[in-house]
């Protein structure tokens, strides 16, 4: 399983550990990923995602997964989030036509 946020696309970065003597050794900077279960009001189901804490805070601030995905542009979202966004928009469009 890769260490990539399914909403923001944030992934592993590389860099150097630098000692006092200026010796450099390679290291990894891992994103703070958490497994989260979001509830989509539009789809009326839970969605499991592996999300960075930064993205999780953004989702909570914007009022839930549906509102966050609707407000966020497609080029910022990861492919997994784009698939969920398309299904949310498709379902909300269908419910609007039925009413």
N, C-alpha and C. Protein backbone atom coordinates (compact mmCIF):
# COMPACT_ATOMS: atom_id res chain seq x y z
N UNK A 1 0.83 -1.17 0.00
CA UNK A 1 0.00 0.00 0.00
C UNK A 1 0.88 1.25 0.00
N UNK A 2 0.61 2.18 -0.88
CA UNK A 2 1.46 3.35 -0.98
C UNK A 2 1.09 4.38 0.07
N UNK A 3 2.04 5.21 0.37
CA UNK A 3 1.84 6.24 1.37
C UNK A 3 1.48 7.55 0.68
N UNK A 4 0.24 7.61 0.16
CA UNK A 4 -0.24 8.77 -0.56
C UNK A 4 -1.62 9.15 -0.03
N UNK A 5 -1.84 10.42 0.21
CA UNK A 5 -3.15 10.91 0.65
C UNK A 5 -4.13 10.80 -0.51
N UNK A 6 -5.31 10.22 -0.25
CA UNK A 6 -6.28 10.00 -1.31
C UNK A 6 -7.11 11.23 -1.64
N UNK A 7 -6.94 12.31 -0.89
CA UNK A 7 -7.64 13.55 -1.20
C UNK A 7 -6.69 14.57 -1.82
N UNK A 8 -5.61 14.85 -1.12
CA UNK A 8 -4.71 15.91 -1.58
C UNK A 8 -3.58 15.40 -2.47
N UNK A 9 -3.28 14.11 -2.43
CA UNK A 9 -2.19 13.56 -3.23
C UNK A 9 -0.83 13.75 -2.58
N UNK A 10 -0.80 14.21 -1.34
CA UNK A 10 0.46 14.40 -0.62
C UNK A 10 1.14 13.04 -0.46
N UNK A 11 2.45 12.96 -0.75
CA UNK A 11 3.15 11.69 -0.70
C UNK A 11 4.51 11.82 -0.03
N UNK A 12 5.30 10.75 -0.06
CA UNK A 12 6.60 10.70 0.59
C UNK A 12 7.57 11.63 -0.12
N UNK A 13 8.33 12.38 0.69
CA UNK A 13 9.39 13.24 0.14
C UNK A 13 10.73 12.72 0.65
N UNK A 14 11.79 13.04 -0.06
CA UNK A 14 13.11 12.61 0.39
C UNK A 14 13.98 13.83 0.69
N UNK A 15 14.98 13.59 1.51
CA UNK A 15 15.88 14.67 1.89
C UNK A 15 17.11 14.09 2.56
N UNK A 16 17.77 14.90 3.35
CA UNK A 16 19.00 14.46 4.01
C UNK A 16 18.92 14.67 5.51
N UNK A 17 19.49 13.71 6.27
CA UNK A 17 19.83 13.96 7.67
C UNK A 17 21.19 14.63 7.63
N UNK A 18 21.35 15.71 8.33
CA UNK A 18 22.63 16.41 8.35
C UNK A 18 23.17 16.40 9.77
N UNK A 19 24.33 15.78 9.95
CA UNK A 19 24.93 15.69 11.28
C UNK A 19 25.66 16.99 11.62
N UNK A 20 26.15 17.05 12.85
CA UNK A 20 26.90 18.22 13.29
C UNK A 20 28.15 18.42 12.44
N UNK A 21 28.71 17.31 11.95
CA UNK A 21 29.91 17.36 11.13
C UNK A 21 29.58 17.55 9.65
N UNK A 22 28.31 17.85 9.36
CA UNK A 22 27.82 18.10 8.00
C UNK A 22 27.83 16.85 7.12
N UNK A 23 27.82 15.66 7.73
CA UNK A 23 27.66 14.42 6.95
C UNK A 23 26.19 14.31 6.56
N UNK A 24 25.96 13.95 5.31
CA UNK A 24 24.60 13.86 4.82
C UNK A 24 24.24 12.41 4.50
N UNK A 25 23.10 11.96 5.03
CA UNK A 25 22.58 10.63 4.71
C UNK A 25 21.13 10.79 4.28
N UNK A 26 20.73 9.96 3.33
CA UNK A 26 19.36 10.06 2.80
C UNK A 26 18.33 9.66 3.85
N UNK A 27 17.15 10.28 3.80
CA UNK A 27 16.05 9.95 4.67
C UNK A 27 14.74 10.20 3.95
N UNK A 28 13.64 9.73 4.53
CA UNK A 28 12.31 9.95 3.97
C UNK A 28 11.50 10.82 4.92
N UNK A 29 10.70 11.70 4.35
CA UNK A 29 9.72 12.47 5.11
C UNK A 29 8.36 11.87 4.79
N UNK A 30 7.76 11.17 5.75
CA UNK A 30 6.49 10.50 5.53
C UNK A 30 5.33 11.41 5.89
N UNK A 31 4.28 11.43 5.09
CA UNK A 31 3.10 12.23 5.44
C UNK A 31 2.35 11.58 6.60
N UNK A 32 1.68 12.39 7.39
CA UNK A 32 0.91 11.89 8.53
C UNK A 32 -0.44 11.39 8.02
N UNK A 33 -0.49 10.12 7.63
CA UNK A 33 -1.70 9.53 7.05
C UNK A 33 -2.51 8.80 8.10
N UNK A 34 -3.82 8.94 8.03
CA UNK A 34 -4.75 8.26 8.92
C UNK A 34 -5.83 7.61 8.07
N UNK A 35 -6.29 6.45 8.49
CA UNK A 35 -7.42 5.81 7.83
C UNK A 35 -8.69 6.39 8.42
N UNK A 36 -9.53 6.97 7.57
CA UNK A 36 -10.71 7.69 8.02
C UNK A 36 -11.93 7.18 7.28
N UNK A 37 -13.06 7.17 7.95
CA UNK A 37 -14.32 6.78 7.34
C UNK A 37 -15.18 8.04 7.25
N UNK A 38 -15.35 8.58 6.05
CA UNK A 38 -16.18 9.76 5.82
C UNK A 38 -17.60 9.33 5.48
N UNK A 39 -18.58 10.14 5.91
CA UNK A 39 -19.96 9.87 5.51
C UNK A 39 -20.36 10.89 4.46
N UNK A 40 -20.81 10.40 3.31
CA UNK A 40 -21.29 11.26 2.24
C UNK A 40 -22.81 11.35 2.34
N UNK A 41 -23.31 12.55 2.56
CA UNK A 41 -24.76 12.75 2.67
C UNK A 41 -25.45 12.51 1.33
N UNK A 42 -24.81 12.93 0.26
CA UNK A 42 -25.39 12.79 -1.07
C UNK A 42 -25.48 11.33 -1.49
N UNK A 43 -24.39 10.59 -1.29
CA UNK A 43 -24.37 9.17 -1.66
C UNK A 43 -25.03 8.29 -0.60
N UNK A 44 -25.21 8.83 0.60
CA UNK A 44 -25.82 8.15 1.74
C UNK A 44 -25.06 6.86 2.08
N UNK A 45 -23.71 6.98 2.14
CA UNK A 45 -22.90 5.84 2.53
C UNK A 45 -21.56 6.33 3.07
N UNK A 46 -20.85 5.41 3.73
CA UNK A 46 -19.54 5.71 4.27
C UNK A 46 -18.48 5.41 3.21
N UNK A 47 -17.42 6.23 3.20
CA UNK A 47 -16.32 6.06 2.27
C UNK A 47 -15.02 5.99 3.08
N UNK A 48 -14.29 4.89 2.94
CA UNK A 48 -13.01 4.73 3.63
C UNK A 48 -11.91 5.32 2.78
N UNK A 49 -11.08 6.16 3.41
CA UNK A 49 -9.97 6.78 2.69
C UNK A 49 -8.76 6.87 3.61
N UNK A 50 -7.58 6.87 2.99
CA UNK A 50 -6.33 7.09 3.70
C UNK A 50 -5.96 8.55 3.45
N UNK A 51 -6.05 9.39 4.48
CA UNK A 51 -6.00 10.84 4.31
C UNK A 51 -4.94 11.44 5.24
N UNK A 52 -4.26 12.47 4.76
CA UNK A 52 -3.33 13.21 5.61
C UNK A 52 -4.13 14.05 6.60
N UNK A 53 -3.53 14.35 7.73
CA UNK A 53 -4.23 15.11 8.76
C UNK A 53 -4.54 16.52 8.27
N UNK A 54 -3.68 17.07 7.44
CA UNK A 54 -3.92 18.40 6.87
C UNK A 54 -5.19 18.40 6.02
N UNK A 55 -5.36 17.38 5.20
CA UNK A 55 -6.56 17.27 4.37
C UNK A 55 -7.79 17.00 5.23
N UNK A 56 -7.63 16.22 6.28
CA UNK A 56 -8.73 15.93 7.19
C UNK A 56 -9.25 17.20 7.85
N UNK A 57 -8.34 18.05 8.28
CA UNK A 57 -8.74 19.33 8.88
C UNK A 57 -9.46 20.21 7.86
N UNK A 58 -9.02 20.19 6.61
CA UNK A 58 -9.67 20.98 5.57
C UNK A 58 -11.08 20.48 5.30
N UNK A 59 -11.27 19.16 5.30
CA UNK A 59 -12.59 18.58 5.09
C UNK A 59 -13.53 18.99 6.22
N UNK A 60 -13.06 18.89 7.46
CA UNK A 60 -13.88 19.27 8.60
C UNK A 60 -14.21 20.76 8.60
N UNK A 61 -13.26 21.58 8.20
CA UNK A 61 -13.48 23.03 8.17
C UNK A 61 -14.53 23.41 7.14
N UNK A 62 -14.57 22.70 6.00
CA UNK A 62 -15.51 23.03 4.93
C UNK A 62 -16.87 22.37 5.10
N UNK A 63 -17.09 21.65 6.18
CA UNK A 63 -18.42 21.12 6.46
C UNK A 63 -18.69 19.74 5.93
N UNK A 64 -17.69 18.90 5.80
CA UNK A 64 -17.91 17.53 5.37
C UNK A 64 -17.32 17.24 4.02
N UNK A 65 -17.31 15.96 3.68
CA UNK A 65 -16.67 15.50 2.44
C UNK A 65 -17.36 16.06 1.20
N UNK A 66 -18.69 16.05 1.17
CA UNK A 66 -19.42 16.52 -0.01
C UNK A 66 -19.12 17.99 -0.30
N UNK A 67 -19.22 18.83 0.71
CA UNK A 67 -18.98 20.26 0.51
C UNK A 67 -17.53 20.54 0.13
N UNK A 68 -16.60 19.82 0.76
CA UNK A 68 -15.18 20.03 0.45
C UNK A 68 -14.87 19.70 -1.01
N UNK A 69 -15.37 18.54 -1.46
CA UNK A 69 -15.08 18.13 -2.84
C UNK A 69 -15.75 19.05 -3.86
N UNK A 70 -16.94 19.56 -3.55
CA UNK A 70 -17.62 20.47 -4.48
C UNK A 70 -16.87 21.80 -4.60
N UNK A 71 -16.28 22.28 -3.49
CA UNK A 71 -15.59 23.57 -3.48
C UNK A 71 -14.19 23.50 -4.08
N UNK A 72 -13.55 22.33 -4.01
CA UNK A 72 -12.16 22.19 -4.42
C UNK A 72 -12.06 21.94 -5.92
N UNK A 73 -11.07 22.58 -6.57
CA UNK A 73 -10.90 22.39 -8.01
C UNK A 73 -10.33 21.00 -8.30
N UNK A 74 -10.60 20.52 -9.50
CA UNK A 74 -10.20 19.16 -9.88
C UNK A 74 -8.69 18.98 -9.94
N UNK A 75 -7.95 20.00 -10.29
CA UNK A 75 -6.50 19.83 -10.44
C UNK A 75 -5.79 19.68 -9.10
N UNK A 76 -6.44 20.06 -8.00
CA UNK A 76 -5.85 19.92 -6.67
C UNK A 76 -6.10 18.52 -6.10
N UNK A 77 -7.17 17.87 -6.54
CA UNK A 77 -7.58 16.59 -5.98
C UNK A 77 -6.82 15.42 -6.59
N UNK A 78 -6.65 14.38 -5.78
CA UNK A 78 -6.04 13.13 -6.24
C UNK A 78 -7.08 12.35 -7.04
N UNK A 79 -6.65 11.38 -7.85
CA UNK A 79 -7.60 10.61 -8.69
C UNK A 79 -8.72 9.91 -7.90
N UNK A 80 -8.40 9.40 -6.70
CA UNK A 80 -9.42 8.73 -5.89
C UNK A 80 -10.50 9.71 -5.48
N UNK A 81 -10.10 10.91 -5.10
CA UNK A 81 -11.06 11.94 -4.69
C UNK A 81 -11.88 12.42 -5.88
N UNK A 82 -11.26 12.48 -7.06
CA UNK A 82 -11.99 12.89 -8.27
C UNK A 82 -13.11 11.91 -8.60
N UNK A 83 -12.85 10.63 -8.42
CA UNK A 83 -13.88 9.63 -8.68
C UNK A 83 -15.06 9.79 -7.74
N UNK A 84 -14.77 10.06 -6.47
CA UNK A 84 -15.84 10.27 -5.49
C UNK A 84 -16.60 11.56 -5.81
N UNK A 85 -15.86 12.59 -6.20
CA UNK A 85 -16.50 13.88 -6.54
C UNK A 85 -17.45 13.72 -7.72
N UNK A 86 -17.04 12.99 -8.74
CA UNK A 86 -17.90 12.79 -9.91
C UNK A 86 -19.18 12.04 -9.54
N UNK A 87 -19.05 11.03 -8.68
CA UNK A 87 -20.25 10.30 -8.28
C UNK A 87 -21.17 11.15 -7.42
N UNK A 88 -20.60 12.02 -6.58
CA UNK A 88 -21.41 12.94 -5.76
C UNK A 88 -22.15 13.92 -6.65
N UNK A 89 -21.45 14.52 -7.62
CA UNK A 89 -22.10 15.48 -8.52
C UNK A 89 -23.17 14.82 -9.37
N UNK A 90 -22.90 13.60 -9.82
CA UNK A 90 -23.87 12.87 -10.63
C UNK A 90 -25.13 12.56 -9.82
N UNK A 91 -24.96 12.13 -8.57
CA UNK A 91 -26.09 11.80 -7.71
C UNK A 91 -26.88 13.04 -7.34
N UNK A 92 -26.18 14.15 -7.05
CA UNK A 92 -26.89 15.38 -6.68
C UNK A 92 -27.65 15.95 -7.87
N UNK A 93 -27.10 15.78 -9.08
CA UNK A 93 -27.80 16.24 -10.28
C UNK A 93 -29.08 15.42 -10.52
N UNK A 94 -28.99 14.11 -10.30
CA UNK A 94 -30.15 13.24 -10.48
C UNK A 94 -31.25 13.54 -9.46
N UNK A 95 -30.86 13.83 -8.23
CA UNK A 95 -31.88 14.13 -7.21
C UNK A 95 -32.51 15.50 -7.46
N UNK A 96 -31.75 16.43 -8.05
CA UNK A 96 -32.31 17.74 -8.37
C UNK A 96 -33.31 17.64 -9.51
N UNK A 97 -33.07 16.76 -10.47
CA UNK A 97 -34.00 16.59 -11.58
C UNK A 97 -35.28 15.86 -11.15
N UNK A 98 -35.16 14.95 -10.17
CA UNK A 98 -36.31 14.23 -9.68
C UNK A 98 -37.27 15.12 -8.90
N UNK A 99 -36.73 16.16 -8.29
CA UNK A 99 -37.59 17.04 -7.46
C UNK A 99 -38.42 17.99 -8.27
